[in-house]
Amino acid sequence: MIIRGTSCYTNAKSGNLVSITGDGGNAWGFYGNAYKKMSPKLYLWQYYDQNPENLSEDELIDWYIKEFYDLRLKDLNPYELMDTLKQKFGEEIILLCHELPGLEINKEHFCHRRLLADWIELETGIVIPELSINESGVITFKETYDLKPRMKKLIKKD
């Protein structure tokens, strides 16, 4: 298994950790491996954070899903991505960003790592769970929201 799961910096204390944020996790005290090609561009994060058009939370998340898809996923082959990650970082990778997981899709818990994981599942059938891993390597699987139905509705393939 190439990607073991996704997590946030707070919940991942050991393992083959790979940040997918623009600064590689440095703002959150993470100084390990990073794959910044899967991070959102600054404009995307700023718009989402500031919400200049006062969109509803659902509209804002829908906007983010479409923008991130067009920016990072639309022209990407998920198998090639996983092969690249394997070549760079090995196996059993845990992809990281900073948002804490949650059961509901809302601005507080929505994150691009779950968007990426659910996109991979949609494209390949490979399930990438949300998890927590302690210093001893003990994994706890976390329940989290499912973006796949929303992604199917929002993302139109050319």
N, C-alpha and C. Protein backbone atom coordinates (compact mmCIF):
# COMPACT_ATOMS: atom_id res chain seq x y z
N MET A 1 0.85 -1.17 0.00
CA MET A 1 0.00 0.00 0.00
C MET A 1 0.90 1.25 0.00
N ILE A 2 0.63 2.10 -0.94
CA ILE A 2 1.46 3.30 -1.07
C ILE A 2 1.01 4.37 -0.07
N ILE A 3 -0.29 4.69 -0.09
CA ILE A 3 -0.81 5.69 0.83
C ILE A 3 -1.61 4.96 1.91
N ARG A 4 -1.09 5.01 3.12
CA ARG A 4 -1.75 4.32 4.24
C ARG A 4 -2.97 5.08 4.72
N GLY A 5 -2.91 6.40 4.65
CA GLY A 5 -4.03 7.21 5.09
C GLY A 5 -3.68 8.69 5.06
N THR A 6 -4.60 9.47 5.61
CA THR A 6 -4.38 10.91 5.76
C THR A 6 -4.53 11.25 7.23
N SER A 7 -3.93 12.37 7.62
CA SER A 7 -4.03 12.83 9.00
C SER A 7 -3.69 14.32 9.05
N CYS A 8 -3.75 14.86 10.25
CA CYS A 8 -3.33 16.25 10.46
C CYS A 8 -2.06 16.23 11.31
N TYR A 9 -1.35 17.34 11.31
CA TYR A 9 -0.10 17.41 12.06
C TYR A 9 -0.30 17.06 13.54
N THR A 10 -1.41 17.46 14.11
CA THR A 10 -1.70 17.21 15.52
C THR A 10 -1.84 15.72 15.82
N ASN A 11 -2.42 14.96 14.89
CA ASN A 11 -2.74 13.55 15.14
C ASN A 11 -1.71 12.55 14.61
N ALA A 12 -0.68 13.02 13.94
CA ALA A 12 0.31 12.11 13.35
C ALA A 12 1.67 12.33 14.02
N LYS A 13 2.09 11.37 14.82
CA LYS A 13 3.32 11.51 15.60
C LYS A 13 4.44 10.58 15.15
N SER A 14 4.16 9.66 14.22
CA SER A 14 5.20 8.76 13.72
C SER A 14 4.74 8.19 12.39
N GLY A 15 5.64 7.49 11.73
CA GLY A 15 5.31 6.87 10.45
C GLY A 15 5.94 7.61 9.29
N ASN A 16 5.57 7.21 8.09
CA ASN A 16 6.09 7.81 6.86
C ASN A 16 5.22 9.02 6.53
N LEU A 17 5.45 10.12 7.22
CA LEU A 17 4.63 11.32 7.14
C LEU A 17 5.10 12.22 6.00
N VAL A 18 4.12 12.70 5.20
CA VAL A 18 4.41 13.58 4.07
C VAL A 18 3.40 14.72 4.07
N SER A 19 3.88 15.92 4.27
CA SER A 19 3.03 17.10 4.23
C SER A 19 2.62 17.42 2.79
N ILE A 20 1.37 17.87 2.64
CA ILE A 20 0.94 18.34 1.31
C ILE A 20 0.43 19.78 1.42
N THR A 21 1.03 20.56 2.31
CA THR A 21 0.70 21.98 2.41
C THR A 21 1.81 22.81 1.76
N GLY A 22 1.48 24.05 1.45
CA GLY A 22 2.40 24.91 0.72
C GLY A 22 3.71 25.16 1.42
N ASP A 23 3.70 25.23 2.75
CA ASP A 23 4.95 25.48 3.47
C ASP A 23 5.56 24.19 4.01
N GLY A 24 5.00 23.06 3.62
CA GLY A 24 5.53 21.78 4.07
C GLY A 24 5.21 21.47 5.53
N GLY A 25 4.33 22.25 6.12
CA GLY A 25 3.96 22.02 7.52
C GLY A 25 4.75 22.81 8.52
N ASN A 26 5.69 23.61 8.05
CA ASN A 26 6.56 24.35 8.97
C ASN A 26 5.80 25.25 9.94
N ALA A 27 4.71 25.88 9.48
CA ALA A 27 3.93 26.75 10.36
C ALA A 27 3.30 25.98 11.52
N TRP A 28 3.20 24.67 11.39
CA TRP A 28 2.62 23.82 12.44
C TRP A 28 3.70 22.99 13.13
N GLY A 29 4.96 23.33 12.93
CA GLY A 29 6.05 22.63 13.60
C GLY A 29 6.43 21.30 12.97
N PHE A 30 6.03 21.08 11.73
CA PHE A 30 6.41 19.85 11.02
C PHE A 30 7.55 20.17 10.07
N TYR A 31 8.62 19.41 10.15
CA TYR A 31 9.80 19.65 9.31
C TYR A 31 10.25 18.38 8.59
N GLY A 32 9.28 17.51 8.29
CA GLY A 32 9.58 16.26 7.60
C GLY A 32 9.41 16.37 6.10
N ASN A 33 9.13 15.24 5.47
CA ASN A 33 8.93 15.18 4.03
C ASN A 33 7.74 16.03 3.59
N ALA A 34 7.85 16.57 2.39
CA ALA A 34 6.75 17.38 1.85
C ALA A 34 6.62 17.15 0.35
N TYR A 35 5.38 17.16 -0.10
CA TYR A 35 5.08 17.10 -1.54
C TYR A 35 4.14 18.26 -1.82
N LYS A 36 4.76 19.41 -2.08
CA LYS A 36 4.02 20.66 -2.21
C LYS A 36 3.20 20.75 -3.50
N LYS A 37 3.44 19.85 -4.45
CA LYS A 37 2.66 19.87 -5.69
C LYS A 37 1.19 19.56 -5.46
N MET A 38 0.85 19.05 -4.29
CA MET A 38 -0.55 18.76 -3.97
C MET A 38 -1.15 19.80 -3.03
N SER A 39 -0.43 20.89 -2.81
CA SER A 39 -0.96 21.94 -1.94
C SER A 39 -1.85 22.88 -2.74
N PRO A 40 -2.78 23.54 -2.06
CA PRO A 40 -3.56 24.57 -2.75
C PRO A 40 -2.68 25.78 -3.02
N LYS A 41 -2.95 26.47 -4.09
CA LYS A 41 -2.25 27.74 -4.34
C LYS A 41 -2.70 28.76 -3.29
N LEU A 42 -1.87 29.75 -3.05
CA LEU A 42 -2.15 30.76 -2.04
C LEU A 42 -3.50 31.45 -2.28
N TYR A 43 -3.80 31.80 -3.55
CA TYR A 43 -5.07 32.49 -3.84
C TYR A 43 -6.26 31.64 -3.40
N LEU A 44 -6.17 30.33 -3.55
CA LEU A 44 -7.27 29.45 -3.20
C LEU A 44 -7.50 29.47 -1.69
N TRP A 45 -6.41 29.34 -0.95
CA TRP A 45 -6.51 29.37 0.50
C TRP A 45 -7.01 30.73 0.99
N GLN A 46 -6.50 31.82 0.41
CA GLN A 46 -6.90 33.16 0.85
C GLN A 46 -8.39 33.41 0.59
N TYR A 47 -8.85 33.04 -0.59
CA TYR A 47 -10.27 33.22 -0.91
C TYR A 47 -11.12 32.41 0.06
N TYR A 48 -10.74 31.18 0.28
CA TYR A 48 -11.50 30.30 1.17
C TYR A 48 -11.50 30.86 2.59
N ASP A 49 -10.37 31.32 3.05
CA ASP A 49 -10.25 31.86 4.40
C ASP A 49 -11.01 33.16 4.57
N GLN A 50 -10.92 34.07 3.60
CA GLN A 50 -11.50 35.40 3.72
C GLN A 50 -12.93 35.49 3.21
N ASN A 51 -13.32 34.59 2.29
CA ASN A 51 -14.67 34.55 1.76
C ASN A 51 -15.16 35.95 1.34
N PRO A 52 -14.48 36.60 0.39
CA PRO A 52 -14.79 37.99 0.04
C PRO A 52 -16.19 38.20 -0.54
N GLU A 53 -16.81 37.17 -1.07
CA GLU A 53 -18.15 37.32 -1.64
C GLU A 53 -19.25 36.89 -0.66
N ASN A 54 -18.85 36.61 0.58
CA ASN A 54 -19.80 36.18 1.61
C ASN A 54 -20.67 35.01 1.17
N LEU A 55 -20.01 34.01 0.58
CA LEU A 55 -20.72 32.80 0.17
C LEU A 55 -21.16 32.03 1.41
N SER A 56 -22.20 31.24 1.27
CA SER A 56 -22.58 30.37 2.38
C SER A 56 -21.45 29.34 2.55
N GLU A 57 -21.43 28.67 3.68
CA GLU A 57 -20.39 27.66 3.93
C GLU A 57 -20.43 26.58 2.84
N ASP A 58 -21.61 26.12 2.47
CA ASP A 58 -21.72 25.10 1.41
C ASP A 58 -21.22 25.62 0.07
N GLU A 59 -21.58 26.85 -0.29
CA GLU A 59 -21.12 27.44 -1.55
C GLU A 59 -19.60 27.59 -1.56
N LEU A 60 -19.05 27.99 -0.43
CA LEU A 60 -17.60 28.18 -0.33
C LEU A 60 -16.87 26.84 -0.49
N ILE A 61 -17.36 25.81 0.15
CA ILE A 61 -16.74 24.49 0.03
C ILE A 61 -16.88 23.96 -1.40
N ASP A 62 -18.05 24.16 -2.01
CA ASP A 62 -18.24 23.75 -3.41
C ASP A 62 -17.25 24.49 -4.32
N TRP A 63 -17.07 25.79 -4.08
CA TRP A 63 -16.12 26.58 -4.87
C TRP A 63 -14.72 25.99 -4.72
N TYR A 64 -14.33 25.68 -3.49
CA TYR A 64 -13.00 25.14 -3.23
C TYR A 64 -12.82 23.80 -3.94
N ILE A 65 -13.80 22.92 -3.85
CA ILE A 65 -13.70 21.61 -4.50
C ILE A 65 -13.46 21.79 -6.00
N LYS A 66 -14.25 22.64 -6.63
CA LYS A 66 -14.09 22.85 -8.09
C LYS A 66 -12.73 23.47 -8.41
N GLU A 67 -12.34 24.48 -7.64
CA GLU A 67 -11.06 25.14 -7.90
C GLU A 67 -9.88 24.19 -7.71
N PHE A 68 -9.89 23.43 -6.62
CA PHE A 68 -8.79 22.51 -6.35
C PHE A 68 -8.75 21.41 -7.42
N TYR A 69 -9.91 20.94 -7.81
CA TYR A 69 -9.96 19.93 -8.87
C TYR A 69 -9.33 20.50 -10.16
N ASP A 70 -9.76 21.69 -10.57
CA ASP A 70 -9.21 22.29 -11.79
C ASP A 70 -7.73 22.57 -11.67
N LEU A 71 -7.29 23.00 -10.51
CA LEU A 71 -5.90 23.36 -10.27
C LEU A 71 -4.97 22.15 -10.19
N ARG A 72 -5.36 21.13 -9.44
CA ARG A 72 -4.44 20.04 -9.13
C ARG A 72 -4.83 18.66 -9.66
N LEU A 73 -6.11 18.38 -9.83
CA LEU A 73 -6.51 17.01 -10.09
C LEU A 73 -6.98 16.71 -11.51
N LYS A 74 -7.53 17.69 -12.17
CA LYS A 74 -8.17 17.50 -13.47
C LYS A 74 -7.29 16.77 -14.49
N ASP A 75 -6.05 17.14 -14.59
CA ASP A 75 -5.15 16.56 -15.58
C ASP A 75 -4.19 15.54 -14.98
N LEU A 76 -4.49 15.08 -13.78
CA LEU A 76 -3.60 14.18 -13.07
C LEU A 76 -4.11 12.74 -13.16
N ASN A 77 -3.19 11.82 -13.37
CA ASN A 77 -3.52 10.40 -13.34
C ASN A 77 -3.23 9.92 -11.92
N PRO A 78 -4.24 9.38 -11.21
CA PRO A 78 -4.01 9.00 -9.81
C PRO A 78 -2.96 7.90 -9.65
N TYR A 79 -2.86 7.01 -10.61
CA TYR A 79 -1.86 5.94 -10.52
C TYR A 79 -0.45 6.51 -10.69
N GLU A 80 -0.31 7.49 -11.58
CA GLU A 80 1.00 8.15 -11.75
C GLU A 80 1.36 8.94 -10.49
N LEU A 81 0.37 9.59 -9.88
CA LEU A 81 0.62 10.31 -8.63
C LEU A 81 1.12 9.35 -7.56
N MET A 82 0.42 8.24 -7.40
CA MET A 82 0.84 7.29 -6.37
C MET A 82 2.22 6.70 -6.68
N ASP A 83 2.52 6.49 -7.94
CA ASP A 83 3.85 6.00 -8.32
C ASP A 83 4.93 7.04 -7.98
N THR A 84 4.63 8.29 -8.26
CA THR A 84 5.57 9.37 -7.93
C THR A 84 5.80 9.44 -6.42
N LEU A 85 4.71 9.37 -5.66
CA LEU A 85 4.84 9.41 -4.20
C LEU A 85 5.66 8.22 -3.70
N LYS A 86 5.44 7.06 -4.27
CA LYS A 86 6.20 5.87 -3.87
C LYS A 86 7.68 6.05 -4.18
N GLN A 87 8.00 6.58 -5.37
CA GLN A 87 9.40 6.79 -5.74
C GLN A 87 10.08 7.79 -4.81
N LYS A 88 9.36 8.84 -4.43
CA LYS A 88 9.95 9.90 -3.60
C LYS A 88 10.00 9.53 -2.11
N PHE A 89 8.96 8.84 -1.63
CA PHE A 89 8.82 8.68 -0.18
C PHE A 89 8.66 7.24 0.30
N GLY A 90 8.52 6.30 -0.60
CA GLY A 90 8.35 4.90 -0.19
C GLY A 90 6.90 4.51 -0.05
N GLU A 91 6.65 3.54 0.81
CA GLU A 91 5.29 3.01 0.98
C GLU A 91 4.72 3.42 2.34
N GLU A 92 3.44 3.16 2.49
CA GLU A 92 2.72 3.41 3.74
C GLU A 92 2.78 4.89 4.15
N ILE A 93 2.66 5.75 3.16
CA ILE A 93 2.70 7.20 3.36
C ILE A 93 1.43 7.66 4.07
N ILE A 94 1.59 8.61 4.97
CA ILE A 94 0.46 9.28 5.60
C ILE A 94 0.53 10.74 5.15
N LEU A 95 -0.46 11.16 4.36
CA LEU A 95 -0.51 12.52 3.83
C LEU A 95 -1.07 13.46 4.89
N LEU A 96 -0.39 14.59 5.08
CA LEU A 96 -0.73 15.52 6.17
C LEU A 96 -1.09 16.91 5.68
N CYS A 97 -2.03 17.52 6.37
CA CYS A 97 -2.22 18.97 6.36
C CYS A 97 -2.71 19.35 7.75
N HIS A 98 -3.16 20.56 7.96
CA HIS A 98 -3.35 21.01 9.35
C HIS A 98 -4.75 20.89 9.93
N GLU A 99 -5.80 20.83 9.12
CA GLU A 99 -7.16 20.82 9.67
C GLU A 99 -7.44 19.53 10.44
N LEU A 100 -8.07 19.67 11.59
CA LEU A 100 -8.49 18.51 12.37
C LEU A 100 -9.63 17.80 11.64
N PRO A 101 -9.69 16.48 11.73
CA PRO A 101 -10.78 15.77 11.06
C PRO A 101 -12.11 16.03 11.77
N GLY A 102 -13.18 15.84 11.02
CA GLY A 102 -14.51 16.00 11.59
C GLY A 102 -15.50 15.12 10.86
N LEU A 103 -16.65 14.96 11.45
CA LEU A 103 -17.68 14.12 10.83
C LEU A 103 -18.53 14.89 9.82
N GLU A 104 -18.60 16.20 9.99
CA GLU A 104 -19.41 17.02 9.09
C GLU A 104 -18.52 17.80 8.14
N ILE A 105 -19.04 18.02 6.95
CA ILE A 105 -18.33 18.86 5.98
C ILE A 105 -18.67 20.30 6.34
N ASN A 106 -17.72 20.97 6.97
CA ASN A 106 -17.90 22.38 7.29
C ASN A 106 -16.55 23.08 7.17
N LYS A 107 -16.58 24.38 7.24
CA LYS A 107 -15.36 25.16 7.01
C LYS A 107 -14.26 24.81 8.01
N GLU A 108 -14.62 24.46 9.22
CA GLU A 108 -13.64 24.15 10.25
C GLU A 108 -12.87 22.85 9.95
N HIS A 109 -13.55 21.85 9.40
CA HIS A 109 -12.93 20.54 9.23
C HIS A 109 -12.64 20.17 7.77
N PHE A 110 -13.12 20.94 6.83
CA PHE A 110 -12.89 20.63 5.42
C PHE A 110 -11.41 20.84 5.09
N CYS A 111 -10.83 19.88 4.37
CA CYS A 111 -9.42 20.02 4.00
C CYS A 111 -9.13 19.34 2.67
N HIS A 112 -8.07 19.79 2.04
CA HIS A 112 -7.72 19.26 0.73
C HIS A 112 -7.14 17.86 0.80
N ARG A 113 -6.64 17.42 1.95
CA ARG A 113 -6.12 16.05 2.03
C ARG A 113 -7.24 15.04 1.86
N ARG A 114 -8.42 15.35 2.42
CA ARG A 114 -9.57 14.45 2.25
C ARG A 114 -10.13 14.57 0.84
N LEU A 115 -10.05 15.75 0.26
CA LEU A 115 -10.46 15.93 -1.13
C LEU A 115 -9.59 15.06 -2.03
N LEU A 116 -8.29 15.08 -1.81
CA LEU A 116 -7.35 14.26 -2.58
C LEU A 116 -7.63 12.77 -2.35
N ALA A 117 -7.81 12.36 -1.11
CA ALA A 117 -8.06 10.95 -0.79
C ALA A 117 -9.36 10.45 -1.42
N ASP A 118 -10.41 11.25 -1.33
CA ASP A 118 -11.68 10.82 -1.92
C ASP A 118 -11.63 10.83 -3.44
N TRP A 119 -10.87 11.75 -4.03
CA TRP A 119 -10.68 11.74 -5.48
C TRP A 119 -9.96 10.46 -5.92
N ILE A 120 -8.93 10.07 -5.19
CA ILE A 120 -8.22 8.83 -5.53
C ILE A 120 -9.18 7.65 -5.44
N GLU A 121 -10.01 7.62 -4.41
CA GLU A 121 -10.98 6.52 -4.30
C GLU A 121 -11.97 6.54 -5.46
N LEU A 122 -12.46 7.70 -5.83
CA LEU A 122 -13.38 7.79 -6.97
C LEU A 122 -12.74 7.28 -8.26
N GLU A 123 -11.48 7.63 -8.45
CA GLU A 123 -10.79 7.28 -9.69
C GLU A 123 -10.29 5.84 -9.72
N THR A 124 -9.97 5.27 -8.57
CA THR A 124 -9.29 3.97 -8.55
C THR A 124 -10.00 2.89 -7.73
N GLY A 125 -10.85 3.30 -6.81
CA GLY A 125 -11.45 2.35 -5.89
C GLY A 125 -10.60 2.10 -4.65
N ILE A 126 -9.42 2.70 -4.59
CA ILE A 126 -8.53 2.54 -3.44
C ILE A 126 -9.00 3.47 -2.31
N VAL A 127 -9.32 2.88 -1.17
CA VAL A 127 -9.80 3.64 -0.03
C VAL A 127 -8.61 4.13 0.79
N ILE A 128 -8.61 5.43 1.09
CA ILE A 128 -7.55 6.03 1.89
C ILE A 128 -8.21 6.62 3.14
N PRO A 129 -8.07 5.94 4.28
CA PRO A 129 -8.77 6.37 5.50
C PRO A 129 -8.10 7.55 6.19
N GLU A 130 -8.87 8.21 7.02
CA GLU A 130 -8.33 9.22 7.94
C GLU A 130 -7.87 8.46 9.19
N LEU A 131 -6.71 8.83 9.70
CA LEU A 131 -6.20 8.10 10.86
C LEU A 131 -5.43 9.01 11.79
N SER A 132 -5.15 8.45 12.95
CA SER A 132 -4.29 9.07 13.95
C SER A 132 -3.22 8.03 14.25
N ILE A 133 -1.99 8.47 14.46
CA ILE A 133 -0.91 7.53 14.76
C ILE A 133 -0.04 8.14 15.86
N ASN A 134 0.16 7.38 16.93
CA ASN A 134 0.93 7.91 18.05
C ASN A 134 2.43 7.65 17.88
N GLU A 135 3.22 8.07 18.87
CA GLU A 135 4.67 7.94 18.81
C GLU A 135 5.12 6.49 18.68
N SER A 136 4.33 5.55 19.19
CA SER A 136 4.67 4.12 19.13
C SER A 136 4.19 3.46 17.84
N GLY A 137 3.52 4.22 16.98
CA GLY A 137 3.05 3.68 15.72
C GLY A 137 1.67 3.04 15.78
N VAL A 138 0.99 3.21 16.90
CA VAL A 138 -0.36 2.65 17.03
C VAL A 138 -1.34 3.55 16.26
N ILE A 139 -2.07 2.91 15.36
CA ILE A 139 -3.01 3.64 14.49
C ILE A 139 -4.42 3.52 15.02
N THR A 140 -5.12 4.65 15.02
CA THR A 140 -6.55 4.70 15.30
C THR A 140 -7.20 5.30 14.06
N PHE A 141 -8.19 4.61 13.53
CA PHE A 141 -8.90 5.13 12.37
C PHE A 141 -9.97 6.11 12.84
N LYS A 142 -10.08 7.21 12.12
CA LYS A 142 -11.01 8.27 12.47
C LYS A 142 -12.17 8.29 11.47
N GLU A 143 -13.37 8.42 11.98
CA GLU A 143 -14.50 8.63 11.08
C GLU A 143 -14.42 10.06 10.59
N THR A 144 -14.74 10.24 9.33
CA THR A 144 -14.76 11.58 8.77
C THR A 144 -15.79 11.63 7.65
N TYR A 145 -16.05 12.81 7.17
CA TYR A 145 -17.04 13.01 6.12
C TYR A 145 -16.61 12.35 4.82
N ASP A 146 -17.56 12.16 3.93
CA ASP A 146 -17.34 11.56 2.62
C ASP A 146 -17.63 12.62 1.56
N LEU A 147 -16.60 13.04 0.85
CA LEU A 147 -16.76 14.07 -0.18
C LEU A 147 -17.18 13.50 -1.54
N LYS A 148 -17.13 12.20 -1.71
CA LYS A 148 -17.36 11.61 -3.03
C LYS A 148 -18.70 11.99 -3.65
N PRO A 149 -19.82 11.92 -2.93
CA PRO A 149 -21.08 12.31 -3.56
C PRO A 149 -21.08 13.77 -4.03
N ARG A 150 -20.51 14.62 -3.22
CA ARG A 150 -20.45 16.04 -3.58
C ARG A 150 -19.52 16.25 -4.77
N MET A 151 -18.41 15.55 -4.80
CA MET A 151 -17.46 15.67 -5.90
C MET A 151 -18.09 15.20 -7.21
N LYS A 152 -18.82 14.09 -7.16
CA LYS A 152 -19.47 13.57 -8.37
C LYS A 152 -20.42 14.61 -8.96
N LYS A 153 -21.12 15.33 -8.09
CA LYS A 153 -22.08 16.34 -8.53
C LYS A 153 -21.38 17.57 -9.11
N LEU A 154 -20.26 17.97 -8.51
CA LEU A 154 -19.61 19.23 -8.86
C LEU A 154 -18.60 19.12 -10.00
N ILE A 155 -17.95 17.98 -10.12
CA ILE A 155 -16.84 17.85 -11.07
C ILE A 155 -17.34 17.23 -12.35
N LYS A 156 -17.27 17.99 -13.38
CA LYS A 156 -17.67 17.51 -14.70
C LYS A 156 -16.42 17.20 -15.50
N LYS A 157 -16.34 15.97 -15.94
CA LYS A 157 -15.18 15.57 -16.75
C LYS A 157 -15.40 16.04 -18.18
N ASP A 158 -14.32 16.53 -18.78
CA ASP A 158 -14.41 17.01 -20.18
C ASP A 158 -14.42 15.84 -21.13
